[in-house]
Amino acid sequence: MRTGPFTVDIESIGRVLLIGGLAVAGVGGLMLLLSRVPVINQLFNLPGDVRIQGENFSCFVPIVSMIIISVVLTVVVNLLLRIFNRQ
């Protein structure tokens, strides 16, 4: 076995893959739960979301939905940072 600054063993690769798989499963479960919320289902059908469809082509650009998600996530992250940075 080679030693140096970039050595990786099978155990650490397995640990990373296991944690990554659990994270993907967690996000999938969260998406399944959020799909049952009526407000979330209407999110990508807002006026301002661009939908172009042709015979062999379709393009969807959720401009307004992404702006709303960005604002909500910015507020949530700022609130969490303020809560956890209190001394």
PDB file of N, CA and C in Angstrom:
ATOM      1  N   MET A   1       0.844  -1.177   0.000  1.00  0.00           N
ATOM      2  CA  MET A   1       0.000   0.000   0.000  1.00  0.00           C
ATOM      3  C   MET A   1       0.888   1.238   0.000  1.00  0.00           C
ATOM      4  N   ARG A   2       0.509   2.194  -0.797  1.00  0.00           N
ATOM      5  CA  ARG A   2       1.277   3.420  -0.948  1.00  0.00           C
ATOM      6  C   ARG A   2       0.888   4.429   0.129  1.00  0.00           C
ATOM      7  N   THR A   3       1.835   5.180   0.616  1.00  0.00           N
ATOM      8  CA  THR A   3       1.536   6.228   1.586  1.00  0.00           C
ATOM      9  C   THR A   3       1.877   7.567   0.968  1.00  0.00           C
ATOM     10  N   GLY A   4       1.162   8.582   1.366  1.00  0.00           N
ATOM     11  CA  GLY A   4       1.389   9.916   0.840  1.00  0.00           C
ATOM     12  C   GLY A   4       0.199  10.799   1.167  1.00  0.00           C
ATOM     13  N   PRO A   5       0.184  11.998   0.608  1.00  0.00           N
ATOM     14  CA  PRO A   5      -0.888  12.933   0.962  1.00  0.00           C
ATOM     15  C   PRO A   5      -2.242  12.554   0.367  1.00  0.00           C
ATOM     16  N   PHE A   6      -2.283  11.684  -0.650  1.00  0.00           N
ATOM     17  CA  PHE A   6      -3.549  11.372  -1.308  1.00  0.00           C
ATOM     18  C   PHE A   6      -3.917   9.894  -1.195  1.00  0.00           C
ATOM     19  N   THR A   7      -3.574   9.260  -0.099  1.00  0.00           N
ATOM     20  CA  THR A   7      -3.929   7.854   0.057  1.00  0.00           C
ATOM     21  C   THR A   7      -5.373   7.751   0.541  1.00  0.00           C
ATOM     22  N   VAL A   8      -6.081   6.791  -0.024  1.00  0.00           N
ATOM     23  CA  VAL A   8      -7.464   6.550   0.342  1.00  0.00           C
ATOM     24  C   VAL A   8      -7.631   5.050   0.514  1.00  0.00           C
ATOM     25  N   ASP A   9      -8.229   4.646   1.609  1.00  0.00           N
ATOM     26  CA  ASP A   9      -8.451   3.222   1.795  1.00  0.00           C
ATOM     27  C   ASP A   9      -9.915   2.880   1.517  1.00  0.00           C
ATOM     28  N   ILE A  10     -10.187   1.615   1.387  1.00  0.00           N
ATOM     29  CA  ILE A  10     -11.516   1.130   1.047  1.00  0.00           C
ATOM     30  C   ILE A  10     -12.537   1.518   2.111  1.00  0.00           C
ATOM     31  N   GLU A  11     -12.126   1.520   3.365  1.00  0.00           N
ATOM     32  CA  GLU A  11     -13.050   1.846   4.455  1.00  0.00           C
ATOM     33  C   GLU A  11     -13.573   3.276   4.339  1.00  0.00           C
ATOM     34  N   SER A  12     -12.687   4.227   4.024  1.00  0.00           N
ATOM     35  CA  SER A  12     -13.140   5.617   3.911  1.00  0.00           C
ATOM     36  C   SER A  12     -14.014   5.817   2.677  1.00  0.00           C
ATOM     37  N   ILE A  13     -13.725   5.116   1.591  1.00  0.00           N
ATOM     38  CA  ILE A  13     -14.577   5.202   0.404  1.00  0.00           C
ATOM     39  C   ILE A  13     -15.960   4.641   0.726  1.00  0.00           C
ATOM     40  N   GLY A  14     -16.012   3.515   1.417  1.00  0.00           N
ATOM     41  CA  GLY A  14     -17.282   2.928   1.815  1.00  0.00           C
ATOM     42  C   GLY A  14     -18.079   3.843   2.715  1.00  0.00           C
ATOM     43  N   ARG A  15     -17.406   4.504   3.642  1.00  0.00           N
ATOM     44  CA  ARG A  15     -18.078   5.427   4.551  1.00  0.00           C
ATOM     45  C   ARG A  15     -18.682   6.604   3.785  1.00  0.00           C
ATOM     46  N   VAL A  16     -17.919   7.156   2.827  1.00  0.00           N
ATOM     47  CA  VAL A  16     -18.415   8.279   2.023  1.00  0.00           C
ATOM     48  C   VAL A  16     -19.613   7.848   1.183  1.00  0.00           C
ATOM     49  N   LEU A  17     -19.531   6.670   0.565  1.00  0.00           N
ATOM     50  CA  LEU A  17     -20.643   6.177  -0.242  1.00  0.00           C
ATOM     51  C   LEU A  17     -21.882   5.924   0.606  1.00  0.00           C
ATOM     52  N   LEU A  18     -21.715   5.395   1.805  1.00  0.00           N
ATOM     53  CA  LEU A  18     -22.839   5.142   2.688  1.00  0.00           C
ATOM     54  C   LEU A  18     -23.497   6.445   3.122  1.00  0.00           C
ATOM     55  N   ILE A  19     -22.713   7.422   3.512  1.00  0.00           N
ATOM     56  CA  ILE A  19     -23.259   8.712   3.924  1.00  0.00           C
ATOM     57  C   ILE A  19     -23.932   9.410   2.747  1.00  0.00           C
ATOM     58  N   GLY A  20     -23.313   9.349   1.565  1.00  0.00           N
ATOM     59  CA  GLY A  20     -23.916   9.949   0.370  1.00  0.00           C
ATOM     60  C   GLY A  20     -25.236   9.283   0.018  1.00  0.00           C
ATOM     61  N   GLY A  21     -25.295   7.951   0.118  1.00  0.00           N
ATOM     62  CA  GLY A  21     -26.532   7.239  -0.161  1.00  0.00           C
ATOM     63  C   GLY A  21     -27.632   7.584   0.816  1.00  0.00           C
ATOM     64  N   LEU A  22     -27.283   7.710   2.089  1.00  0.00           N
ATOM     65  CA  LEU A  22     -28.274   8.099   3.094  1.00  0.00           C
ATOM     66  C   LEU A  22     -28.771   9.522   2.846  1.00  0.00           C
ATOM     67  N   ALA A  23     -27.878  10.397   2.414  1.00  0.00           N
ATOM     68  CA  ALA A  23     -28.279  11.771   2.110  1.00  0.00           C
ATOM     69  C   ALA A  23     -29.240  11.804   0.922  1.00  0.00           C
ATOM     70  N   VAL A  24     -28.946  11.036  -0.124  1.00  0.00           N
ATOM     71  CA  VAL A  24     -29.832  10.982  -1.286  1.00  0.00           C
ATOM     72  C   VAL A  24     -31.187  10.399  -0.893  1.00  0.00           C
ATOM     73  N   ALA A  25     -31.197   9.343  -0.063  1.00  0.00           N
ATOM     74  CA  ALA A  25     -32.450   8.754   0.394  1.00  0.00           C
ATOM     75  C   ALA A  25     -33.242   9.746   1.243  1.00  0.00           C
ATOM     76  N   GLY A  26     -32.547  10.521   2.061  1.00  0.00           N
ATOM     77  CA  GLY A  26     -33.218  11.531   2.873  1.00  0.00           C
ATOM     78  C   GLY A  26     -33.854  12.621   2.028  1.00  0.00           C
ATOM     79  N   VAL A  27     -33.148  13.083   1.014  1.00  0.00           N
ATOM     80  CA  VAL A  27     -33.706  14.098   0.113  1.00  0.00           C
ATOM     81  C   VAL A  27     -34.899  13.528  -0.640  1.00  0.00           C
ATOM     82  N   GLY A  28     -34.805  12.271  -1.074  1.00  0.00           N
ATOM     83  CA  GLY A  28     -35.935  11.629  -1.751  1.00  0.00           C
ATOM     84  C   GLY A  28     -37.152  11.523  -0.851  1.00  0.00           C
ATOM     85  N   GLY A  29     -36.954  11.132   0.393  1.00  0.00           N
ATOM     86  CA  GLY A  29     -38.060  11.060   1.343  1.00  0.00           C
ATOM     87  C   GLY A  29     -38.680  12.420   1.603  1.00  0.00           C
ATOM     88  N   LEU A  30     -37.834  13.446   1.717  1.00  0.00           N
ATOM     89  CA  LEU A  30     -38.334  14.804   1.913  1.00  0.00           C
ATOM     90  C   LEU A  30     -39.163  15.261   0.723  1.00  0.00           C
ATOM     91  N   MET A  31     -38.707  14.918  -0.490  1.00  0.00           N
ATOM     92  CA  MET A  31     -39.465  15.287  -1.685  1.00  0.00           C
ATOM     93  C   MET A  31     -40.806  14.564  -1.735  1.00  0.00           C
ATOM     94  N   LEU A  32     -40.845  13.300  -1.297  1.00  0.00           N
ATOM     95  CA  LEU A  32     -42.116  12.575  -1.242  1.00  0.00           C
ATOM     96  C   LEU A  32     -43.080  13.229  -0.259  1.00  0.00           C
ATOM     97  N   LEU A  33     -42.565  13.661   0.887  1.00  0.00           N
ATOM     98  CA  LEU A  33     -43.427  14.324   1.868  1.00  0.00           C
ATOM     99  C   LEU A  33     -43.899  15.692   1.366  1.00  0.00           C
ATOM    100  N   LEU A  34     -43.005  16.442   0.728  1.00  0.00           N
ATOM    101  CA  LEU A  34     -43.369  17.769   0.239  1.00  0.00           C
ATOM    102  C   LEU A  34     -44.335  17.706  -0.933  1.00  0.00           C
ATOM    103  N   SER A  35     -44.361  16.593  -1.671  1.00  0.00           N
ATOM    104  CA  SER A  35     -45.277  16.482  -2.810  1.00  0.00           C
ATOM    105  C   SER A  35     -46.727  16.407  -2.356  1.00  0.00           C
ATOM    106  N   ARG A  36     -46.969  16.118  -1.092  1.00  0.00           N
ATOM    107  CA  ARG A  36     -48.325  16.045  -0.563  1.00  0.00           C
ATOM    108  C   ARG A  36     -48.851  17.396  -0.092  1.00  0.00           C
ATOM    109  N   VAL A  37     -47.989  18.410  -0.052  1.00  0.00           N
ATOM    110  CA  VAL A  37     -48.399  19.745   0.373  1.00  0.00           C
ATOM    111  C   VAL A  37     -48.935  20.493  -0.850  1.00  0.00           C
ATOM    112  N   PRO A  38     -50.207  20.955  -0.821  1.00  0.00           N
ATOM    113  CA  PRO A  38     -50.800  21.582  -2.011  1.00  0.00           C
ATOM    114  C   PRO A  38     -50.070  22.839  -2.481  1.00  0.00           C
ATOM    115  N   VAL A  39     -49.530  23.618  -1.566  1.00  0.00           N
ATOM    116  CA  VAL A  39     -48.841  24.855  -1.957  1.00  0.00           C
ATOM    117  C   VAL A  39     -47.588  24.532  -2.764  1.00  0.00           C
ATOM    118  N   ILE A  40     -46.875  23.487  -2.384  1.00  0.00           N
ATOM    119  CA  ILE A  40     -45.652  23.099  -3.083  1.00  0.00           C
ATOM    120  C   ILE A  40     -45.978  22.601  -4.486  1.00  0.00           C
ATOM    121  N   ASN A  41     -47.105  21.889  -4.654  1.00  0.00           N
ATOM    122  CA  ASN A  41     -47.478  21.387  -5.976  1.00  0.00           C
ATOM    123  C   ASN A  41     -47.785  22.513  -6.954  1.00  0.00           C
ATOM    124  N   GLN A  42     -48.280  23.641  -6.464  1.00  0.00           N
ATOM    125  CA  GLN A  42     -48.602  24.764  -7.338  1.00  0.00           C
ATOM    126  C   GLN A  42     -47.403  25.667  -7.597  1.00  0.00           C
ATOM    127  N   LEU A  43     -46.282  25.395  -6.953  1.00  0.00           N
ATOM    128  CA  LEU A  43     -45.130  26.292  -7.041  1.00  0.00           C
ATOM    129  C   LEU A  43     -44.617  26.454  -8.469  1.00  0.00           C
ATOM    130  N   PHE A  44     -44.542  25.391  -9.231  1.00  0.00           N
ATOM    131  CA  PHE A  44     -43.964  25.478 -10.575  1.00  0.00           C
ATOM    132  C   PHE A  44     -45.020  25.712 -11.648  1.00  0.00           C
ATOM    133  N   ASN A  45     -46.183  26.197 -11.272  1.00  0.00           N
ATOM    134  CA  ASN A  45     -47.228  26.572 -12.223  1.00  0.00           C
ATOM    135  C   ASN A  45     -47.598  28.040 -12.069  1.00  0.00           C
ATOM    136  N   LEU A  46     -46.663  28.862 -11.636  1.00  0.00           N
ATOM    137  CA  LEU A  46     -46.932  30.273 -11.403  1.00  0.00           C
ATOM    138  C   LEU A  46     -46.875  31.066 -12.699  1.00  0.00           C
ATOM    139  N   PRO A  47     -47.604  32.198 -12.750  1.00  0.00           N
ATOM    140  CA  PRO A  47     -47.441  33.079 -13.910  1.00  0.00           C
ATOM    141  C   PRO A  47     -46.018  33.649 -13.893  1.00  0.00           C
ATOM    142  N   GLY A  48     -45.362  33.624 -14.980  1.00  0.00           N
ATOM    143  CA  GLY A  48     -43.971  34.062 -15.051  1.00  0.00           C
ATOM    144  C   GLY A  48     -43.019  32.911 -15.238  1.00  0.00           C
ATOM    145  N   ASP A  49     -43.481  31.687 -15.015  1.00  0.00           N
ATOM    146  CA  ASP A  49     -42.693  30.504 -15.333  1.00  0.00           C
ATOM    147  C   ASP A  49     -42.871  30.224 -16.821  1.00  0.00           C
ATOM    148  N   VAL A  50     -41.792  30.200 -17.566  1.00  0.00           N
ATOM    149  CA  VAL A  50     -41.839  30.085 -19.018  1.00  0.00           C
ATOM    150  C   VAL A  50     -41.896  28.615 -19.413  1.00  0.00           C
ATOM    151  N   ARG A  51     -42.872  28.289 -20.252  1.00  0.00           N
ATOM    152  CA  ARG A  51     -43.022  26.926 -20.770  1.00  0.00           C
ATOM    153  C   ARG A  51     -43.168  27.024 -22.282  1.00  0.00           C
ATOM    154  N   ILE A  52     -42.207  26.445 -22.999  1.00  0.00           N
ATOM    155  CA  ILE A  52     -42.225  26.440 -24.461  1.00  0.00           C
ATOM    156  C   ILE A  52     -42.319  24.996 -24.918  1.00  0.00           C
ATOM    157  N   GLN A  53     -43.329  24.705 -25.747  1.00  0.00           N
ATOM    158  CA  GLN A  53     -43.499  23.339 -26.242  1.00  0.00           C
ATOM    159  C   GLN A  53     -43.670  23.361 -27.750  1.00  0.00           C
ATOM    160  N   GLY A  54     -42.939  22.482 -28.400  1.00  0.00           N
ATOM    161  CA  GLY A  54     -43.073  22.300 -29.835  1.00  0.00           C
ATOM    162  C   GLY A  54     -43.386  20.845 -30.111  1.00  0.00           C
ATOM    163  N   GLU A  55     -43.270  20.450 -31.376  1.00  0.00           N
ATOM    164  CA  GLU A  55     -43.560  19.058 -31.727  1.00  0.00           C
ATOM    165  C   GLU A  55     -42.543  18.103 -31.101  1.00  0.00           C
ATOM    166  N   ASN A  56     -41.270  18.405 -31.233  1.00  0.00           N
ATOM    167  CA  ASN A  56     -40.219  17.521 -30.716  1.00  0.00           C
ATOM    168  C   ASN A  56     -39.359  18.209 -29.664  1.00  0.00           C
ATOM    169  N   PHE A  57     -39.885  19.249 -29.069  1.00  0.00           N
ATOM    170  CA  PHE A  57     -39.063  20.047 -28.162  1.00  0.00           C
ATOM    171  C   PHE A  57     -39.944  20.608 -27.058  1.00  0.00           C
ATOM    172  N   SER A  58     -39.431  20.603 -25.850  1.00  0.00           N
ATOM    173  CA  SER A  58     -40.114  21.296 -24.760  1.00  0.00           C
ATOM    174  C   SER A  58     -39.053  21.895 -23.842  1.00  0.00           C
ATOM    175  N   CYS A  59     -39.349  23.076 -23.346  1.00  0.00           N
ATOM    176  CA  CYS A  59     -38.421  23.779 -22.463  1.00  0.00           C
ATOM    177  C   CYS A  59     -39.234  24.454 -21.358  1.00  0.00           C
ATOM    178  N   PHE A  60     -38.798  24.271 -20.123  1.00  0.00           N
ATOM    179  CA  PHE A  60     -39.477  24.862 -18.979  1.00  0.00           C
ATOM    180  C   PHE A  60     -38.458  25.632 -18.163  1.00  0.00           C
ATOM    181  N   VAL A  61     -38.691  26.923 -17.956  1.00  0.00           N
ATOM    182  CA  VAL A  61     -37.795  27.778 -17.178  1.00  0.00           C
ATOM    183  C   VAL A  61     -38.610  28.400 -16.044  1.00  0.00           C
ATOM    184  N   PRO A  62     -38.477  27.884 -14.831  1.00  0.00           N
ATOM    185  CA  PRO A  62     -39.294  28.366 -13.700  1.00  0.00           C
ATOM    186  C   PRO A  62     -38.701  29.618 -13.047  1.00  0.00           C
ATOM    187  N   ILE A  63     -38.769  30.729 -13.742  1.00  0.00           N
ATOM    188  CA  ILE A  63     -38.128  31.966 -13.276  1.00  0.00           C
ATOM    189  C   ILE A  63     -38.728  32.442 -11.953  1.00  0.00           C
ATOM    190  N   VAL A  64     -40.029  32.627 -11.901  1.00  0.00           N
ATOM    191  CA  VAL A  64     -40.680  33.162 -10.703  1.00  0.00           C
ATOM    192  C   VAL A  64     -40.568  32.172  -9.539  1.00  0.00           C
ATOM    193  N   SER A  65     -40.731  30.882  -9.825  1.00  0.00           N
ATOM    194  CA  SER A  65     -40.625  29.874  -8.764  1.00  0.00           C
ATOM    195  C   SER A  65     -39.228  29.874  -8.153  1.00  0.00           C
ATOM    196  N   MET A  66     -38.197  30.004  -8.972  1.00  0.00           N
ATOM    197  CA  MET A  66     -36.831  30.012  -8.452  1.00  0.00           C
ATOM    198  C   MET A  66     -36.552  31.277  -7.643  1.00  0.00           C
ATOM    199  N   ILE A  67     -37.151  32.399  -8.024  1.00  0.00           N
ATOM    200  CA  ILE A  67     -36.982  33.629  -7.244  1.00  0.00           C
ATOM    201  C   ILE A  67     -37.619  33.457  -5.865  1.00  0.00           C
ATOM    202  N   ILE A  68     -38.804  32.864  -5.820  1.00  0.00           N
ATOM    203  CA  ILE A  68     -39.485  32.646  -4.535  1.00  0.00           C
ATOM    204  C   ILE A  68     -38.685  31.683  -3.664  1.00  0.00           C
ATOM    205  N   ILE A  69     -38.209  30.589  -4.240  1.00  0.00           N
ATOM    206  CA  ILE A  69     -37.405  29.626  -3.478  1.00  0.00           C
ATOM    207  C   ILE A  69     -36.128  30.280  -2.965  1.00  0.00           C
ATOM    208  N   SER A  70     -35.497  31.112  -3.784  1.00  0.00           N
ATOM    209  CA  SER A  70     -34.267  31.790  -3.376  1.00  0.00           C
ATOM    210  C   SER A  70     -34.510  32.730  -2.206  1.00  0.00           C
ATOM    211  N   VAL A  71     -35.585  33.483  -2.256  1.00  0.00           N
ATOM    212  CA  VAL A  71     -35.890  34.417  -1.164  1.00  0.00           C
ATOM    213  C   VAL A  71     -36.182  33.654   0.126  1.00  0.00           C
ATOM    214  N   VAL A  72     -36.978  32.587   0.034  1.00  0.00           N
ATOM    215  CA  VAL A  72     -37.318  31.803   1.232  1.00  0.00           C
ATOM    216  C   VAL A  72     -36.067  31.168   1.832  1.00  0.00           C
ATOM    217  N   LEU A  73     -35.216  30.562   0.999  1.00  0.00           N
ATOM    218  CA  LEU A  73     -33.996  29.940   1.514  1.00  0.00           C
ATOM    219  C   LEU A  73     -33.034  30.971   2.096  1.00  0.00           C
ATOM    220  N   THR A  74     -32.966  32.165   1.498  1.00  0.00           N
ATOM    221  CA  THR A  74     -32.110  33.226   2.044  1.00  0.00           C
ATOM    222  C   THR A  74     -32.578  33.639   3.434  1.00  0.00           C
ATOM    223  N   VAL A  75     -33.881  33.792   3.609  1.00  0.00           N
ATOM    224  CA  VAL A  75     -34.420  34.163   4.921  1.00  0.00           C
ATOM    225  C   VAL A  75     -34.150  33.063   5.941  1.00  0.00           C
ATOM    226  N   VAL A  76     -34.382  31.804   5.558  1.00  0.00           N
ATOM    227  CA  VAL A  76     -34.169  30.688   6.480  1.00  0.00           C
ATOM    228  C   VAL A  76     -32.708  30.587   6.893  1.00  0.00           C
ATOM    229  N   VAL A  77     -31.795  30.678   5.930  1.00  0.00           N
ATOM    230  CA  VAL A  77     -30.364  30.568   6.246  1.00  0.00           C
ATOM    231  C   VAL A  77     -29.923  31.733   7.127  1.00  0.00           C
ATOM    232  N   ASN A  78     -30.391  32.947   6.840  1.00  0.00           N
ATOM    233  CA  ASN A  78     -30.022  34.094   7.669  1.00  0.00           C
ATOM    234  C   ASN A  78     -30.554  33.947   9.090  1.00  0.00           C
ATOM    235  N   LEU A  79     -31.784  33.441   9.245  1.00  0.00           N
ATOM    236  CA  LEU A  79     -32.320  33.219  10.592  1.00  0.00           C
ATOM    237  C   LEU A  79     -31.516  32.163  11.341  1.00  0.00           C
ATOM    238  N   LEU A  80     -31.169  31.069  10.658  1.00  0.00           N
ATOM    239  CA  LEU A  80     -30.371  30.026  11.308  1.00  0.00           C
ATOM    240  C   LEU A  80     -28.990  30.545  11.704  1.00  0.00           C
ATOM    241  N   LEU A  81     -28.371  31.342  10.852  1.00  0.00           N
ATOM    242  CA  LEU A  81     -27.054  31.894  11.192  1.00  0.00           C
ATOM    243  C   LEU A  81     -27.133  32.838  12.382  1.00  0.00           C
ATOM    244  N   ARG A  82     -28.196  33.628  12.447  1.00  0.00           N
ATOM    245  CA  ARG A  82     -28.350  34.524  13.595  1.00  0.00           C
ATOM    246  C   ARG A  82     -28.594  33.749  14.885  1.00  0.00           C
ATOM    247  N   ILE A  83     -29.354  32.662  14.794  1.00  0.00           N
ATOM    248  CA  ILE A  83     -29.649  31.871  15.990  1.00  0.00           C
ATOM    249  C   ILE A  83     -28.382  31.168  16.495  1.00  0.00           C
ATOM    250  N   PHE A  84     -27.614  30.558  15.585  1.00  0.00           N
ATOM    251  CA  PHE A  84     -26.455  29.777  16.002  1.00  0.00           C
ATOM    252  C   PHE A  84     -25.206  30.606  16.246  1.00  0.00           C
ATOM    253  N   ASN A  85     -25.184  31.873  15.863  1.00  0.00           N
ATOM    254  CA  ASN A  85     -24.016  32.721  16.096  1.00  0.00           C
ATOM    255  C   ASN A  85     -24.155  33.590  17.346  1.00  0.00           C
ATOM    256  N   ARG A  86     -25.198  33.359  18.128  1.00  0.00           N
ATOM    257  CA  ARG A  86     -25.323  34.101  19.388  1.00  0.00           C
ATOM    258  C   ARG A  86     -24.262  33.642  20.361  1.00  0.00           C
ATOM    259  N   GLN A  87     -23.716  34.596  21.114  1.00  0.00           N
ATOM    260  CA  GLN A  87     -22.635  34.232  22.043  1.00  0.00           C
ATOM    261  C   GLN A  87     -23.026  34.495  23.468  1.00  0.00           C
TER     262      GLN A  87
END
